[in-house]
PDB file of N, CA and C in Angstrom:
ATOM      1  N   UNK A   1     100.231 105.505  86.476  1.00  0.00           N
ATOM      2  CA  UNK A   1     101.159 106.556  86.153  1.00  0.00           C
ATOM      3  C   UNK A   1     100.662 107.888  86.688  1.00  0.00           C
ATOM      4  N   UNK A   2     101.608 108.732  87.047  1.00  0.00           N
ATOM      5  CA  UNK A   2     101.300 110.063  87.526  1.00  0.00           C
ATOM      6  C   UNK A   2     101.857 111.096  86.551  1.00  0.00           C
ATOM      7  N   UNK A   3     101.313 112.304  86.607  1.00  0.00           N
ATOM      8  CA  UNK A   3     101.853 113.401  85.804  1.00  0.00           C
ATOM      9  C   UNK A   3     102.994 114.057  86.563  1.00  0.00           C
ATOM     10  N   UNK A   4     104.039 114.386  85.878  1.00  0.00           N
ATOM     11  CA  UNK A   4     105.237 114.986  86.460  1.00  0.00           C
ATOM     12  C   UNK A   4     104.926 116.304  87.140  1.00  0.00           C
ATOM     13  N   UNK A   5     105.457 116.489  88.350  1.00  0.00           N
ATOM     14  CA  UNK A   5     105.258 117.755  89.081  1.00  0.00           C
ATOM     15  C   UNK A   5     106.250 118.811  88.628  1.00  0.00           C
ATOM     16  N   UNK A   6     107.215 118.447  87.807  1.00  0.00           N
ATOM     17  CA  UNK A   6     108.222 119.412  87.327  1.00  0.00           C
ATOM     18  C   UNK A   6     107.808 120.045  86.019  1.00  0.00           C
ATOM     19  N   UNK A   7     107.468 119.206  85.016  1.00  0.00           N
ATOM     20  CA  UNK A   7     107.127 119.758  83.699  1.00  0.00           C
ATOM     21  C   UNK A   7     105.621 119.820  83.468  1.00  0.00           C
ATOM     22  N   UNK A   8     104.840 119.128  84.299  1.00  0.00           N
ATOM     23  CA  UNK A   8     103.386 119.060  84.173  1.00  0.00           C
ATOM     24  C   UNK A   8     102.903 118.511  82.831  1.00  0.00           C
ATOM     25  N   UNK A   9     103.749 117.770  82.159  1.00  0.00           N
ATOM     26  CA  UNK A   9     103.416 117.207  80.849  1.00  0.00           C
ATOM     27  C   UNK A   9     103.629 115.694  80.826  1.00  0.00           C
ATOM     28  N   UNK A  10     104.820 115.266  81.237  1.00  0.00           N
ATOM     29  CA  UNK A  10     105.207 113.871  81.106  1.00  0.00           C
ATOM     30  C   UNK A  10     104.586 112.939  82.121  1.00  0.00           C
ATOM     31  N   UNK A  11     104.486 111.691  81.754  1.00  0.00           N
ATOM     32  CA  UNK A  11     104.065 110.639  82.674  1.00  0.00           C
ATOM     33  C   UNK A  11     105.272 110.162  83.477  1.00  0.00           C
ATOM     34  N   UNK A  12     105.067 109.810  84.716  1.00  0.00           N
ATOM     35  CA  UNK A  12     106.118 109.333  85.610  1.00  0.00           C
ATOM     36  C   UNK A  12     105.853 107.870  85.890  1.00  0.00           C
ATOM     37  N   UNK A  13     106.889 107.045  85.720  1.00  0.00           N
ATOM     38  CA  UNK A  13     106.794 105.590  85.915  1.00  0.00           C
ATOM     39  C   UNK A  13     107.892 105.097  86.841  1.00  0.00           C
ATOM     40  N   UNK A  14     107.651 103.943  87.435  1.00  0.00           N
ATOM     41  CA  UNK A  14     108.619 103.338  88.364  1.00  0.00           C
ATOM     42  C   UNK A  14     109.686 102.556  87.571  1.00  0.00           C
ATOM     43  N   UNK A  15     110.939 102.715  88.025  1.00  0.00           N
ATOM     44  CA  UNK A  15     112.077 102.023  87.419  1.00  0.00           C
ATOM     45  C   UNK A  15     113.011 101.553  88.524  1.00  0.00           C
ATOM     46  N   UNK A  16     114.052 100.823  88.091  1.00  0.00           N
ATOM     47  CA  UNK A  16     115.099 100.379  88.991  1.00  0.00           C
ATOM     48  C   UNK A  16     116.411 100.689  88.319  1.00  0.00           C
ATOM     49  N   UNK A  17     117.373 101.270  89.064  1.00  0.00           N
ATOM     50  CA  UNK A  17     118.711 101.465  88.530  1.00  0.00           C
ATOM     51  C   UNK A  17     119.392 100.112  88.423  1.00  0.00           C
ATOM     52  N   UNK A  18     119.866  99.743  87.266  1.00  0.00           N
ATOM     53  CA  UNK A  18     120.459  98.431  87.065  1.00  0.00           C
ATOM     54  C   UNK A  18     121.738  98.293  87.897  1.00  0.00           C
ATOM     55  N   UNK A  19     122.534  99.355  88.013  1.00  0.00           N
ATOM     56  CA  UNK A  19     123.837  99.261  88.693  1.00  0.00           C
ATOM     57  C   UNK A  19     123.728  99.002  90.176  1.00  0.00           C
ATOM     58  N   UNK A  20     122.684  99.454  90.863  1.00  0.00           N
ATOM     59  CA  UNK A  20     122.627  99.268  92.301  1.00  0.00           C
ATOM     60  C   UNK A  20     121.239  98.845  92.836  1.00  0.00           C
ATOM     61  N   UNK A  21     120.261  98.720  91.946  1.00  0.00           N
ATOM     62  CA  UNK A  21     118.940  98.236  92.351  1.00  0.00           C
ATOM     63  C   UNK A  21     118.022  99.243  93.016  1.00  0.00           C
ATOM     64  N   UNK A  22     118.470 100.495  93.137  1.00  0.00           N
ATOM     65  CA  UNK A  22     117.594 101.506  93.782  1.00  0.00           C
ATOM     66  C   UNK A  22     116.355 101.756  92.964  1.00  0.00           C
ATOM     67  N   UNK A  23     115.246 101.889  93.667  1.00  0.00           N
ATOM     68  CA  UNK A  23     113.957 102.173  93.039  1.00  0.00           C
ATOM     69  C   UNK A  23     113.841 103.667  92.807  1.00  0.00           C
ATOM     70  N   UNK A  24     113.429 104.047  91.619  1.00  0.00           N
ATOM     71  CA  UNK A  24     113.233 105.467  91.317  1.00  0.00           C
ATOM     72  C   UNK A  24     112.071 105.640  90.368  1.00  0.00           C
ATOM     73  N   UNK A  25     111.588 106.838  90.296  1.00  0.00           N
ATOM     74  CA  UNK A  25     110.506 107.240  89.415  1.00  0.00           C
ATOM     75  C   UNK A  25     111.088 108.239  88.434  1.00  0.00           C
ATOM     76  N   UNK A  26     110.781 108.092  87.155  1.00  0.00           N
ATOM     77  CA  UNK A  26     111.358 108.964  86.137  1.00  0.00           C
ATOM     78  C   UNK A  26     110.242 109.512  85.234  1.00  0.00           C
ATOM     79  N   UNK A  27     110.343 110.804  84.932  1.00  0.00           N
ATOM     80  CA  UNK A  27     109.425 111.444  83.996  1.00  0.00           C
ATOM     81  C   UNK A  27     109.865 111.113  82.583  1.00  0.00           C
ATOM     82  N   UNK A  28     108.951 110.661  81.754  1.00  0.00           N
ATOM     83  CA  UNK A  28     109.248 110.292  80.372  1.00  0.00           C
ATOM     84  C   UNK A  28     109.492 111.512  79.488  1.00  0.00           C
ATOM     85  N   UNK A  29     109.168 112.689  79.956  1.00  0.00           N
ATOM     86  CA  UNK A  29     109.331 113.911  79.159  1.00  0.00           C
ATOM     87  C   UNK A  29     110.580 114.683  79.519  1.00  0.00           C
ATOM     88  N   UNK A  30     110.760 114.989  80.823  1.00  0.00           N
ATOM     89  CA  UNK A  30     111.891 115.849  81.245  1.00  0.00           C
ATOM     90  C   UNK A  30     112.983 115.115  81.992  1.00  0.00           C
ATOM     91  N   UNK A  31     112.819 113.800  82.207  1.00  0.00           N
ATOM     92  CA  UNK A  31     113.810 112.953  82.906  1.00  0.00           C
ATOM     93  C   UNK A  31     113.997 113.327  84.388  1.00  0.00           C
ATOM     94  N   UNK A  32     113.024 114.015  85.006  1.00  0.00           N
ATOM     95  CA  UNK A  32     113.078 114.285  86.430  1.00  0.00           C
ATOM     96  C   UNK A  32     113.045 112.948  87.188  1.00  0.00           C
ATOM     97  N   UNK A  33     113.711 112.902  88.352  1.00  0.00           N
ATOM     98  CA  UNK A  33     113.832 111.665  89.129  1.00  0.00           C
ATOM     99  C   UNK A  33     113.404 111.885  90.576  1.00  0.00           C
ATOM    100  N   UNK A  34     112.723 110.890  91.128  1.00  0.00           N
ATOM    101  CA  UNK A  34     112.380 110.807  92.548  1.00  0.00           C
ATOM    102  C   UNK A  34     112.741 109.415  93.009  1.00  0.00           C
ATOM    103  N   UNK A  35     113.228 109.252  94.224  1.00  0.00           N
ATOM    104  CA  UNK A  35     113.536 107.943  94.764  1.00  0.00           C
ATOM    105  C   UNK A  35     112.464 107.502  95.732  1.00  0.00           C
ATOM    106  N   UNK A  36     112.288 106.204  95.889  1.00  0.00           N
ATOM    107  CA  UNK A  36     111.328 105.631  96.824  1.00  0.00           C
ATOM    108  C   UNK A  36     110.351 104.713  96.156  1.00  0.00           C
ATOM    109  N   UNK A  37     109.520 104.067  96.987  1.00  0.00           N
ATOM    110  CA  UNK A  37     108.540 103.105  96.489  1.00  0.00           C
ATOM    111  C   UNK A  37     107.193 103.728  96.198  1.00  0.00           C
ATOM    112  N   UNK A  38     106.911 104.876  96.788  1.00  0.00           N
ATOM    113  CA  UNK A  38     105.614 105.523  96.583  1.00  0.00           C
ATOM    114  C   UNK A  38     105.694 106.480  95.400  1.00  0.00           C
ATOM    115  N   UNK A  39     104.587 106.657  94.692  1.00  0.00           N
ATOM    116  CA  UNK A  39     104.592 107.615  93.581  1.00  0.00           C
ATOM    117  C   UNK A  39     105.062 108.984  94.065  1.00  0.00           C
ATOM    118  N   UNK A  40     105.786 109.723  93.211  1.00  0.00           N
ATOM    119  CA  UNK A  40     106.406 110.970  93.636  1.00  0.00           C
ATOM    120  C   UNK A  40     105.433 112.090  93.939  1.00  0.00           C
ATOM    121  N   UNK A  41     105.839 112.905  94.902  1.00  0.00           N
ATOM    122  CA  UNK A  41     105.117 114.104  95.263  1.00  0.00           C
ATOM    123  C   UNK A  41     106.191 115.148  95.556  1.00  0.00           C
ATOM    124  N   UNK A  42     105.915 116.368  95.223  1.00  0.00           N
ATOM    125  CA  UNK A  42     106.876 117.445  95.516  1.00  0.00           C
ATOM    126  C   UNK A  42     107.974 117.549  94.498  1.00  0.00           C
ATOM    127  N   UNK A  43     109.016 118.308  94.836  1.00  0.00           N
ATOM    128  CA  UNK A  43     110.091 118.574  93.892  1.00  0.00           C
ATOM    129  C   UNK A  43     110.905 117.323  93.592  1.00  0.00           C
ATOM    130  N   UNK A  44     111.467 117.296  92.387  1.00  0.00           N
ATOM    131  CA  UNK A  44     112.288 116.170  91.968  1.00  0.00           C
ATOM    132  C   UNK A  44     113.622 116.190  92.725  1.00  0.00           C
ATOM    133  N   UNK A  45     114.266 115.022  92.754  1.00  0.00           N
ATOM    134  CA  UNK A  45     115.573 114.875  93.424  1.00  0.00           C
ATOM    135  C   UNK A  45     116.711 114.990  92.411  1.00  0.00           C
ATOM    136  N   UNK A  46     116.413 115.495  91.246  1.00  0.00           N
ATOM    137  CA  UNK A  46     117.433 115.635  90.202  1.00  0.00           C
ATOM    138  C   UNK A  46     116.884 115.141  88.877  1.00  0.00           C
ATOM    139  N   UNK A  47     117.790 114.870  87.966  1.00  0.00           N
ATOM    140  CA  UNK A  47     117.427 114.331  86.660  1.00  0.00           C
ATOM    141  C   UNK A  47     118.187 113.043  86.415  1.00  0.00           C
ATOM    142  N   UNK A  48     117.682 112.247  85.508  1.00  0.00           N
ATOM    143  CA  UNK A  48     118.232 110.929  85.258  1.00  0.00           C
ATOM    144  C   UNK A  48     119.724 110.945  85.012  1.00  0.00           C
ATOM    145  N   UNK A  49     120.221 111.893  84.215  1.00  0.00           N
ATOM    146  CA  UNK A  49     121.643 111.891  83.869  1.00  0.00           C
ATOM    147  C   UNK A  49     122.554 112.029  85.086  1.00  0.00           C
ATOM    148  N   UNK A  50     122.026 112.514  86.218  1.00  0.00           N
ATOM    149  CA  UNK A  50     122.824 112.657  87.441  1.00  0.00           C
ATOM    150  C   UNK A  50     123.049 111.308  88.132  1.00  0.00           C
ATOM    151  N   UNK A  51     122.248 110.299  87.801  1.00  0.00           N
ATOM    152  CA  UNK A  51     122.317 109.029  88.512  1.00  0.00           C
ATOM    153  C   UNK A  51     122.767 107.852  87.655  1.00  0.00           C
ATOM    154  N   UNK A  52     123.047 108.099  86.389  1.00  0.00           N
ATOM    155  CA  UNK A  52     123.531 107.039  85.498  1.00  0.00           C
ATOM    156  C   UNK A  52     124.903 107.429  84.993  1.00  0.00           C
ATOM    157  N   UNK A  53     125.587 106.460  84.401  1.00  0.00           N
ATOM    158  CA  UNK A  53     126.914 106.708  83.837  1.00  0.00           C
ATOM    159  C   UNK A  53     126.754 107.556  82.575  1.00  0.00           C
ATOM    160  N   UNK A  54     127.669 108.507  82.348  1.00  0.00           N
ATOM    161  CA  UNK A  54     127.584 109.303  81.129  1.00  0.00           C
ATOM    162  C   UNK A  54     127.705 108.444  79.881  1.00  0.00           C
ATOM    163  N   UNK A  55     127.007 108.842  78.833  1.00  0.00           N
ATOM    164  CA  UNK A  55     127.081 108.123  77.575  1.00  0.00           C
ATOM    165  C   UNK A  55     128.478 108.271  76.992  1.00  0.00           C
ATOM    166  N   UNK A  56     129.126 107.158  76.668  1.00  0.00           N
ATOM    167  CA  UNK A  56     130.484 107.159  76.176  1.00  0.00           C
ATOM    168  C   UNK A  56     130.624 106.886  74.697  1.00  0.00           C
ATOM    169  N   UNK A  57     129.520 107.016  73.973  1.00  0.00           N
ATOM    170  CA  UNK A  57     129.585 106.775  72.530  1.00  0.00           C
ATOM    171  C   UNK A  57     129.109 105.371  72.183  1.00  0.00           C
ATOM    172  N   UNK A  58     129.233 104.997  70.902  1.00  0.00           N
ATOM    173  CA  UNK A  58     128.767 103.690  70.438  1.00  0.00           C
ATOM    174  C   UNK A  58     129.330 102.562  71.290  1.00  0.00           C
ATOM    175  N   UNK A  59     128.464 101.626  71.615  1.00  0.00           N
ATOM    176  CA  UNK A  59     128.871 100.477  72.422  1.00  0.00           C
ATOM    177  C   UNK A  59     128.675 100.646  73.923  1.00  0.00           C
ATOM    178  N   UNK A  60     128.293 101.831  74.348  1.00  0.00           N
ATOM    179  CA  UNK A  60     128.026 102.059  75.765  1.00  0.00           C
ATOM    180  C   UNK A  60     126.541 102.376  75.938  1.00  0.00           C
ATOM    181  N   UNK A  61     125.963 102.021  77.116  1.00  0.00           N
ATOM    182  CA  UNK A  61     124.531 102.233  77.293  1.00  0.00           C
ATOM    183  C   UNK A  61     124.155 103.688  77.446  1.00  0.00           C
ATOM    184  N   UNK A  62     123.053 104.070  76.820  1.00  0.00           N
ATOM    185  CA  UNK A  62     122.479 105.403  76.986  1.00  0.00           C
ATOM    186  C   UNK A  62     121.773 105.463  78.343  1.00  0.00           C
ATOM    187  N   UNK A  63     121.324 106.655  78.750  1.00  0.00           N
ATOM    188  CA  UNK A  63     120.670 106.861  80.044  1.00  0.00           C
ATOM    189  C   UNK A  63     119.556 105.840  80.294  1.00  0.00           C
ATOM    190  N   UNK A  64     118.595 105.772  79.380  1.00  0.00           N
ATOM    191  CA  UNK A  64     117.417 104.944  79.580  1.00  0.00           C
ATOM    192  C   UNK A  64     117.725 103.466  79.489  1.00  0.00           C
ATOM    193  N   UNK A  65     118.892 103.077  78.998  1.00  0.00           N
ATOM    194  CA  UNK A  65     119.291 101.663  78.963  1.00  0.00           C
ATOM    195  C   UNK A  65     119.916 101.237  80.278  1.00  0.00           C
ATOM    196  N   UNK A  66     120.124 102.169  81.206  1.00  0.00           N
ATOM    197  CA  UNK A  66     120.695 101.883  82.506  1.00  0.00           C
ATOM    198  C   UNK A  66     119.651 101.758  83.601  1.00  0.00           C
ATOM    199  N   UNK A  67     118.378 101.779  83.198  1.00  0.00           N
ATOM    200  CA  UNK A  67     117.273 101.584  84.140  1.00  0.00           C
ATOM    201  C   UNK A  67     116.329 100.552  83.534  1.00  0.00           C
ATOM    202  N   UNK A  68     115.551  99.900  84.403  1.00  0.00           N
ATOM    203  CA  UNK A  68     114.549  98.967  83.872  1.00  0.00           C
ATOM    204  C   UNK A  68     113.237  99.206  84.596  1.00  0.00           C
ATOM    205  N   UNK A  69     112.164  99.061  83.855  1.00  0.00           N
ATOM    206  CA  UNK A  69     110.819  99.272  84.404  1.00  0.00           C
ATOM    207  C   UNK A  69     110.499  98.237  85.458  1.00  0.00           C
ATOM    208  N   UNK A  70     109.772  98.662  86.479  1.00  0.00           N
ATOM    209  CA  UNK A  70     109.277  97.756  87.504  1.00  0.00           C
ATOM    210  C   UNK A  70     107.778  98.008  87.680  1.00  0.00           C
ATOM    211  N   UNK A  71     107.098  97.048  88.234  1.00  0.00           N
ATOM    212  CA  UNK A  71     105.657  97.234  88.485  1.00  0.00           C
ATOM    213  C   UNK A  71     105.434  98.287  89.540  1.00  0.00           C
ATOM    214  N   UNK A  72     104.386  99.040  89.339  1.00  0.00           N
ATOM    215  CA  UNK A  72     104.062 100.090  90.297  1.00  0.00           C
ATOM    216  C   UNK A  72     103.271  99.454  91.381  1.00  0.00           C
TER     217      UNK A  72
END
């Protein structure tokens, strides 16, 4: 795990978007996102909510339920 370059607090881990299989890295603290197979460096490419479906209330998946952890 790496420390987030955006918030300098959270750990960043590798995930996969369930809807399209893209590999991304997400900060556990601020939800910053980077795409690619290598651990992130530099500025984030956005935040998790920009790449997942909006939460639609009970019965719909939340942000973190739309990604799954992958081995680094």
